[in-house]
Amino acid sequence: MSMPATVRHVRWADLPKEHVTDQLSRRLVTGDRMMLAHVYLEKGCIVPRHSHENEQITWIVEGALRFWIGEDGAEEVIVRAGEVLHIPSNVPHMAEALEDTLDVDIFSPIRQDWLDRTDSYFHDKVER
């Protein structure tokens, strides 16, 4: 007989805030196969172009992000408070915070590179 899954109750304010760059920090909640993140971006923050196997849903709670989608960044979309962007697996993308932004990201599977802090693309030279 297998062990029952453990239910967890989490308060965002009780989670440590990881400072990834001078302009970006995050809090993470992980399950067995998915991850939920609060991502805090200051106006002007750039998330460099990257891709990952993880399917991503981004919900903007406050603020706005401009995304460049695709290998050449030709598709541009602005996602504002109350809007959601779905990014399929392995689709290159980058983003810029148009204002101070709270972004809720959902990933499946979990972002192991975020847990291991091997997400070096945050520190790469930015090219639009």
N, C-alpha and C. Protein backbone atom coordinates (compact mmCIF):
# COMPACT_ATOMS: atom_id res chain seq x y z
N MET A 1 0.84 -1.17 0.00
CA MET A 1 0.00 0.00 0.00
C MET A 1 0.90 1.24 0.00
N SER A 2 0.62 2.19 -0.90
CA SER A 2 1.45 3.39 -0.98
C SER A 2 1.05 4.40 0.09
N MET A 3 2.00 5.26 0.42
CA MET A 3 1.76 6.30 1.42
C MET A 3 0.90 7.40 0.80
N PRO A 4 -0.04 7.95 1.57
CA PRO A 4 -0.85 9.04 1.03
C PRO A 4 0.01 10.29 0.85
N ALA A 5 -0.37 11.11 -0.14
CA ALA A 5 0.34 12.37 -0.39
C ALA A 5 0.13 13.30 0.79
N THR A 6 1.13 14.14 1.04
CA THR A 6 1.06 15.11 2.12
C THR A 6 0.50 16.42 1.59
N VAL A 7 -0.49 16.95 2.26
CA VAL A 7 -1.07 18.23 1.90
C VAL A 7 -0.31 19.32 2.64
N ARG A 8 0.02 20.41 1.93
CA ARG A 8 0.73 21.53 2.55
C ARG A 8 -0.09 22.80 2.41
N HIS A 9 -0.03 23.63 3.42
CA HIS A 9 -0.64 24.96 3.41
C HIS A 9 0.50 25.96 3.52
N VAL A 10 0.57 26.92 2.59
CA VAL A 10 1.70 27.84 2.53
C VAL A 10 1.18 29.27 2.48
N ARG A 11 1.86 30.16 3.22
CA ARG A 11 1.61 31.60 3.11
C ARG A 11 2.79 32.21 2.37
N TRP A 12 2.50 32.96 1.29
CA TRP A 12 3.58 33.56 0.51
C TRP A 12 4.53 34.36 1.40
N ALA A 13 3.97 35.13 2.32
CA ALA A 13 4.79 36.00 3.17
C ALA A 13 5.75 35.21 4.06
N ASP A 14 5.45 33.93 4.30
CA ASP A 14 6.32 33.10 5.15
C ASP A 14 7.47 32.46 4.37
N LEU A 15 7.40 32.51 3.04
CA LEU A 15 8.44 31.89 2.22
C LEU A 15 9.62 32.84 2.04
N PRO A 16 10.83 32.32 2.01
CA PRO A 16 11.99 33.20 1.77
C PRO A 16 11.93 33.77 0.36
N LYS A 17 12.36 35.02 0.21
CA LYS A 17 12.43 35.67 -1.10
C LYS A 17 13.87 35.56 -1.59
N GLU A 18 14.03 34.84 -2.69
CA GLU A 18 15.36 34.67 -3.28
C GLU A 18 15.64 35.85 -4.21
N HIS A 19 16.74 36.54 -3.98
CA HIS A 19 17.15 37.66 -4.84
C HIS A 19 18.02 37.10 -5.95
N VAL A 20 17.46 37.04 -7.15
CA VAL A 20 18.15 36.45 -8.30
C VAL A 20 19.08 37.46 -8.95
N THR A 21 18.59 38.69 -9.14
CA THR A 21 19.39 39.81 -9.67
C THR A 21 19.03 41.04 -8.85
N ASP A 22 19.63 42.17 -9.19
CA ASP A 22 19.30 43.42 -8.51
C ASP A 22 17.85 43.82 -8.73
N GLN A 23 17.23 43.35 -9.83
CA GLN A 23 15.88 43.77 -10.17
C GLN A 23 14.85 42.65 -10.16
N LEU A 24 15.24 41.44 -9.79
CA LEU A 24 14.31 40.31 -9.84
C LEU A 24 14.50 39.42 -8.62
N SER A 25 13.38 39.10 -7.97
CA SER A 25 13.40 38.14 -6.87
C SER A 25 12.18 37.23 -7.01
N ARG A 26 12.17 36.14 -6.25
CA ARG A 26 11.08 35.17 -6.39
C ARG A 26 10.90 34.36 -5.12
N ARG A 27 9.70 33.81 -5.02
CA ARG A 27 9.35 32.84 -3.98
C ARG A 27 8.77 31.62 -4.71
N LEU A 28 9.07 30.42 -4.21
CA LEU A 28 8.69 29.20 -4.91
C LEU A 28 7.91 28.24 -4.03
N VAL A 29 6.93 27.60 -4.64
CA VAL A 29 6.22 26.48 -4.03
C VAL A 29 6.28 25.34 -5.05
N THR A 30 6.76 24.18 -4.60
CA THR A 30 6.87 23.05 -5.52
C THR A 30 6.04 21.87 -5.03
N GLY A 31 5.52 21.16 -5.98
CA GLY A 31 4.87 19.89 -5.72
C GLY A 31 5.73 18.80 -6.34
N ASP A 32 5.15 17.67 -6.61
CA ASP A 32 5.89 16.57 -7.22
C ASP A 32 6.15 16.81 -8.70
N ARG A 33 5.18 17.45 -9.40
CA ARG A 33 5.29 17.60 -10.85
C ARG A 33 5.03 19.01 -11.35
N MET A 34 4.83 19.95 -10.43
CA MET A 34 4.59 21.32 -10.87
C MET A 34 5.17 22.31 -9.87
N MET A 35 5.36 23.53 -10.34
CA MET A 35 5.94 24.59 -9.52
C MET A 35 5.11 25.85 -9.71
N LEU A 36 4.93 26.58 -8.61
CA LEU A 36 4.24 27.86 -8.60
C LEU A 36 5.22 28.88 -8.06
N ALA A 37 5.36 30.01 -8.75
CA ALA A 37 6.34 31.01 -8.33
C ALA A 37 5.72 32.40 -8.33
N HIS A 38 6.03 33.17 -7.31
CA HIS A 38 5.82 34.61 -7.33
C HIS A 38 7.13 35.20 -7.83
N VAL A 39 7.08 35.96 -8.90
CA VAL A 39 8.27 36.60 -9.45
C VAL A 39 8.05 38.11 -9.36
N TYR A 40 8.98 38.79 -8.71
CA TYR A 40 8.90 40.23 -8.48
C TYR A 40 9.94 40.90 -9.37
N LEU A 41 9.47 41.72 -10.33
CA LEU A 41 10.37 42.38 -11.26
C LEU A 41 10.23 43.89 -11.12
N GLU A 42 11.35 44.58 -11.01
CA GLU A 42 11.32 46.04 -10.99
C GLU A 42 11.25 46.57 -12.42
N LYS A 43 10.66 47.73 -12.58
CA LYS A 43 10.55 48.35 -13.90
C LYS A 43 11.93 48.36 -14.56
N GLY A 44 11.97 47.94 -15.83
CA GLY A 44 13.22 47.90 -16.58
C GLY A 44 13.95 46.58 -16.50
N CYS A 45 13.54 45.69 -15.61
CA CYS A 45 14.18 44.38 -15.48
C CYS A 45 14.04 43.60 -16.79
N ILE A 46 15.13 43.01 -17.22
CA ILE A 46 15.14 42.18 -18.43
C ILE A 46 15.38 40.72 -18.02
N VAL A 47 14.52 39.84 -18.50
CA VAL A 47 14.75 38.40 -18.39
C VAL A 47 15.29 37.98 -19.77
N PRO A 48 16.57 37.64 -19.85
CA PRO A 48 17.19 37.34 -21.15
C PRO A 48 16.51 36.18 -21.88
N ARG A 49 16.68 36.16 -23.19
CA ARG A 49 16.10 35.10 -24.02
C ARG A 49 16.60 33.75 -23.53
N HIS A 50 15.66 32.83 -23.40
CA HIS A 50 15.97 31.48 -22.95
C HIS A 50 14.82 30.58 -23.36
N SER A 51 15.00 29.30 -23.20
CA SER A 51 13.92 28.33 -23.40
C SER A 51 14.15 27.20 -22.42
N HIS A 52 13.11 26.41 -22.21
CA HIS A 52 13.20 25.30 -21.26
C HIS A 52 12.14 24.26 -21.62
N GLU A 53 12.38 23.06 -21.17
CA GLU A 53 11.43 21.97 -21.45
C GLU A 53 10.10 22.17 -20.73
N ASN A 54 10.09 23.03 -19.72
CA ASN A 54 8.91 23.20 -18.88
C ASN A 54 7.84 24.03 -19.59
N GLU A 55 6.63 23.52 -19.58
CA GLU A 55 5.50 24.32 -20.03
C GLU A 55 5.30 25.42 -18.99
N GLN A 56 4.95 26.62 -19.44
CA GLN A 56 4.85 27.77 -18.54
C GLN A 56 3.54 28.51 -18.75
N ILE A 57 2.89 28.84 -17.65
CA ILE A 57 1.75 29.75 -17.66
C ILE A 57 2.13 30.93 -16.79
N THR A 58 2.05 32.13 -17.37
CA THR A 58 2.40 33.36 -16.66
C THR A 58 1.15 34.20 -16.49
N TRP A 59 0.84 34.52 -15.25
CA TRP A 59 -0.31 35.36 -14.91
C TRP A 59 0.24 36.64 -14.29
N ILE A 60 -0.07 37.78 -14.89
CA ILE A 60 0.39 39.06 -14.36
C ILE A 60 -0.65 39.55 -13.35
N VAL A 61 -0.25 39.64 -12.10
CA VAL A 61 -1.14 40.09 -11.02
C VAL A 61 -1.11 41.61 -10.92
N GLU A 62 0.09 42.18 -11.00
CA GLU A 62 0.28 43.64 -10.96
C GLU A 62 1.34 43.98 -11.99
N GLY A 63 1.19 45.11 -12.67
CA GLY A 63 2.21 45.58 -13.59
C GLY A 63 2.00 45.08 -15.00
N ALA A 64 3.10 45.00 -15.76
CA ALA A 64 3.04 44.57 -17.17
C ALA A 64 4.41 44.10 -17.62
N LEU A 65 4.41 43.06 -18.46
CA LEU A 65 5.63 42.54 -19.05
C LEU A 65 5.49 42.53 -20.57
N ARG A 66 6.55 42.93 -21.25
CA ARG A 66 6.63 42.79 -22.71
C ARG A 66 7.45 41.54 -22.98
N PHE A 67 6.89 40.63 -23.78
CA PHE A 67 7.58 39.40 -24.16
C PHE A 67 7.96 39.46 -25.63
N TRP A 68 9.14 38.90 -25.94
CA TRP A 68 9.55 38.64 -27.31
C TRP A 68 9.60 37.12 -27.43
N ILE A 69 8.85 36.58 -28.37
CA ILE A 69 8.66 35.14 -28.50
C ILE A 69 9.33 34.65 -29.78
N GLY A 70 9.94 33.47 -29.70
CA GLY A 70 10.55 32.84 -30.86
C GLY A 70 12.05 33.06 -30.90
N GLU A 71 12.71 32.27 -31.73
CA GLU A 71 14.17 32.31 -31.84
C GLU A 71 14.67 33.70 -32.20
N ASP A 72 13.93 34.39 -33.10
CA ASP A 72 14.34 35.72 -33.53
C ASP A 72 13.61 36.83 -32.77
N GLY A 73 12.72 36.46 -31.84
CA GLY A 73 11.99 37.45 -31.05
C GLY A 73 11.01 38.27 -31.86
N ALA A 74 10.61 37.76 -33.01
CA ALA A 74 9.75 38.52 -33.92
C ALA A 74 8.34 38.74 -33.38
N GLU A 75 7.85 37.79 -32.59
CA GLU A 75 6.50 37.95 -32.02
C GLU A 75 6.62 38.71 -30.71
N GLU A 76 5.91 39.83 -30.61
CA GLU A 76 5.97 40.66 -29.41
C GLU A 76 4.56 40.75 -28.82
N VAL A 77 4.48 40.58 -27.51
CA VAL A 77 3.18 40.66 -26.83
C VAL A 77 3.38 41.33 -25.47
N ILE A 78 2.46 42.21 -25.13
CA ILE A 78 2.47 42.85 -23.82
C ILE A 78 1.36 42.21 -22.99
N VAL A 79 1.74 41.74 -21.82
CA VAL A 79 0.80 41.08 -20.92
C VAL A 79 0.65 41.97 -19.69
N ARG A 80 -0.59 42.37 -19.42
CA ARG A 80 -0.87 43.31 -18.34
C ARG A 80 -1.61 42.62 -17.20
N ALA A 81 -1.76 43.36 -16.09
CA ALA A 81 -2.45 42.82 -14.91
C ALA A 81 -3.78 42.20 -15.30
N GLY A 82 -4.01 40.99 -14.81
CA GLY A 82 -5.25 40.27 -15.10
C GLY A 82 -5.18 39.42 -16.34
N GLU A 83 -4.04 39.42 -17.04
CA GLU A 83 -3.89 38.65 -18.27
C GLU A 83 -2.92 37.49 -18.05
N VAL A 84 -3.04 36.49 -18.93
CA VAL A 84 -2.26 35.26 -18.83
C VAL A 84 -1.59 34.98 -20.17
N LEU A 85 -0.36 34.48 -20.11
CA LEU A 85 0.36 34.05 -21.30
C LEU A 85 0.76 32.59 -21.11
N HIS A 86 0.48 31.76 -22.10
CA HIS A 86 0.91 30.36 -22.08
C HIS A 86 2.11 30.22 -23.01
N ILE A 87 3.21 29.68 -22.49
CA ILE A 87 4.41 29.45 -23.29
C ILE A 87 4.65 27.94 -23.33
N PRO A 88 4.49 27.32 -24.51
CA PRO A 88 4.72 25.88 -24.61
C PRO A 88 6.18 25.51 -24.36
N SER A 89 6.44 24.24 -24.17
CA SER A 89 7.80 23.74 -23.96
C SER A 89 8.72 24.15 -25.10
N ASN A 90 9.95 24.50 -24.73
CA ASN A 90 11.05 24.76 -25.67
C ASN A 90 10.85 25.95 -26.60
N VAL A 91 9.95 26.87 -26.28
CA VAL A 91 9.76 28.08 -27.08
C VAL A 91 10.65 29.19 -26.51
N PRO A 92 11.60 29.70 -27.31
CA PRO A 92 12.45 30.78 -26.82
C PRO A 92 11.63 32.03 -26.50
N HIS A 93 12.00 32.71 -25.41
CA HIS A 93 11.30 33.93 -25.03
C HIS A 93 12.18 34.78 -24.14
N MET A 94 11.91 36.08 -24.15
CA MET A 94 12.55 37.00 -23.21
C MET A 94 11.48 38.00 -22.79
N ALA A 95 11.76 38.75 -21.71
CA ALA A 95 10.75 39.68 -21.20
C ALA A 95 11.40 40.92 -20.63
N GLU A 96 10.62 41.99 -20.61
CA GLU A 96 11.03 43.25 -19.98
C GLU A 96 9.87 43.74 -19.13
N ALA A 97 10.16 44.15 -17.90
CA ALA A 97 9.14 44.71 -17.02
C ALA A 97 8.90 46.16 -17.42
N LEU A 98 7.69 46.46 -17.86
CA LEU A 98 7.33 47.81 -18.26
C LEU A 98 7.01 48.69 -17.05
N GLU A 99 6.75 48.05 -15.93
CA GLU A 99 6.54 48.71 -14.65
C GLU A 99 6.84 47.69 -13.58
N ASP A 100 6.88 48.10 -12.32
CA ASP A 100 7.06 47.12 -11.25
C ASP A 100 5.97 46.07 -11.38
N THR A 101 6.35 44.81 -11.35
CA THR A 101 5.43 43.73 -11.72
C THR A 101 5.50 42.57 -10.74
N LEU A 102 4.32 42.03 -10.41
CA LEU A 102 4.21 40.75 -9.72
C LEU A 102 3.63 39.77 -10.72
N ASP A 103 4.39 38.75 -11.00
CA ASP A 103 4.07 37.75 -12.01
C ASP A 103 3.97 36.41 -11.28
N VAL A 104 2.90 35.67 -11.52
CA VAL A 104 2.77 34.32 -10.98
C VAL A 104 3.02 33.35 -12.13
N ASP A 105 4.07 32.54 -11.98
CA ASP A 105 4.42 31.55 -13.00
C ASP A 105 4.09 30.16 -12.48
N ILE A 106 3.55 29.36 -13.39
CA ILE A 106 3.28 27.95 -13.12
C ILE A 106 4.09 27.15 -14.14
N PHE A 107 4.86 26.19 -13.65
CA PHE A 107 5.69 25.36 -14.52
C PHE A 107 5.37 23.89 -14.30
N SER A 108 5.40 23.15 -15.40
CA SER A 108 5.31 21.70 -15.32
C SER A 108 6.22 21.12 -16.40
N PRO A 109 7.15 20.24 -16.05
CA PRO A 109 7.50 19.86 -14.69
C PRO A 109 8.18 21.01 -13.96
N ILE A 110 8.58 20.76 -12.71
CA ILE A 110 9.20 21.81 -11.92
C ILE A 110 10.51 22.27 -12.57
N ARG A 111 10.89 23.51 -12.30
CA ARG A 111 12.13 24.09 -12.82
C ARG A 111 13.28 23.68 -11.90
N GLN A 112 13.89 22.56 -12.20
CA GLN A 112 15.00 22.09 -11.37
C GLN A 112 16.13 23.10 -11.37
N ASP A 113 16.33 23.81 -12.50
CA ASP A 113 17.40 24.81 -12.56
C ASP A 113 17.15 25.96 -11.58
N TRP A 114 15.88 26.26 -11.30
CA TRP A 114 15.58 27.29 -10.30
C TRP A 114 15.89 26.77 -8.89
N LEU A 115 15.56 25.51 -8.64
CA LEU A 115 15.83 24.94 -7.33
C LEU A 115 17.33 24.80 -7.08
N ASP A 116 18.08 24.43 -8.14
CA ASP A 116 19.53 24.24 -8.02
C ASP A 116 20.30 25.56 -8.17
N ARG A 117 19.58 26.61 -8.56
CA ARG A 117 20.19 27.93 -8.85
C ARG A 117 21.23 27.83 -9.96
N THR A 118 20.90 27.03 -10.99
CA THR A 118 21.77 26.92 -12.16
C THR A 118 21.16 27.63 -13.36
N ASP A 119 20.21 28.51 -13.12
CA ASP A 119 19.53 29.26 -14.18
C ASP A 119 20.39 30.47 -14.58
N SER A 120 21.53 30.19 -15.19
CA SER A 120 22.54 31.21 -15.48
C SER A 120 22.10 32.22 -16.52
N TYR A 121 21.05 31.93 -17.29
CA TYR A 121 20.61 32.88 -18.32
C TYR A 121 20.23 34.23 -17.72
N PHE A 122 19.90 34.29 -16.45
CA PHE A 122 19.58 35.57 -15.82
C PHE A 122 20.78 36.50 -15.81
N HIS A 123 21.96 35.95 -15.95
CA HIS A 123 23.18 36.75 -15.86
C HIS A 123 23.90 36.88 -17.19
N ASP A 124 23.28 36.37 -18.26
CA ASP A 124 23.87 36.48 -19.59
C ASP A 124 23.69 37.89 -20.13
N LYS A 125 24.53 38.24 -21.10
CA LYS A 125 24.40 39.53 -21.78
C LYS A 125 23.06 39.56 -22.51
N VAL A 126 22.34 40.67 -22.39
CA VAL A 126 21.01 40.79 -22.98
C VAL A 126 21.13 41.32 -24.41
N GLU A 127 20.50 40.60 -25.35
CA GLU A 127 20.40 41.05 -26.73
C GLU A 127 18.96 40.93 -27.16
N ARG A 128 18.41 42.02 -27.65
CA ARG A 128 17.01 41.99 -28.10
C ARG A 128 16.91 41.56 -29.53
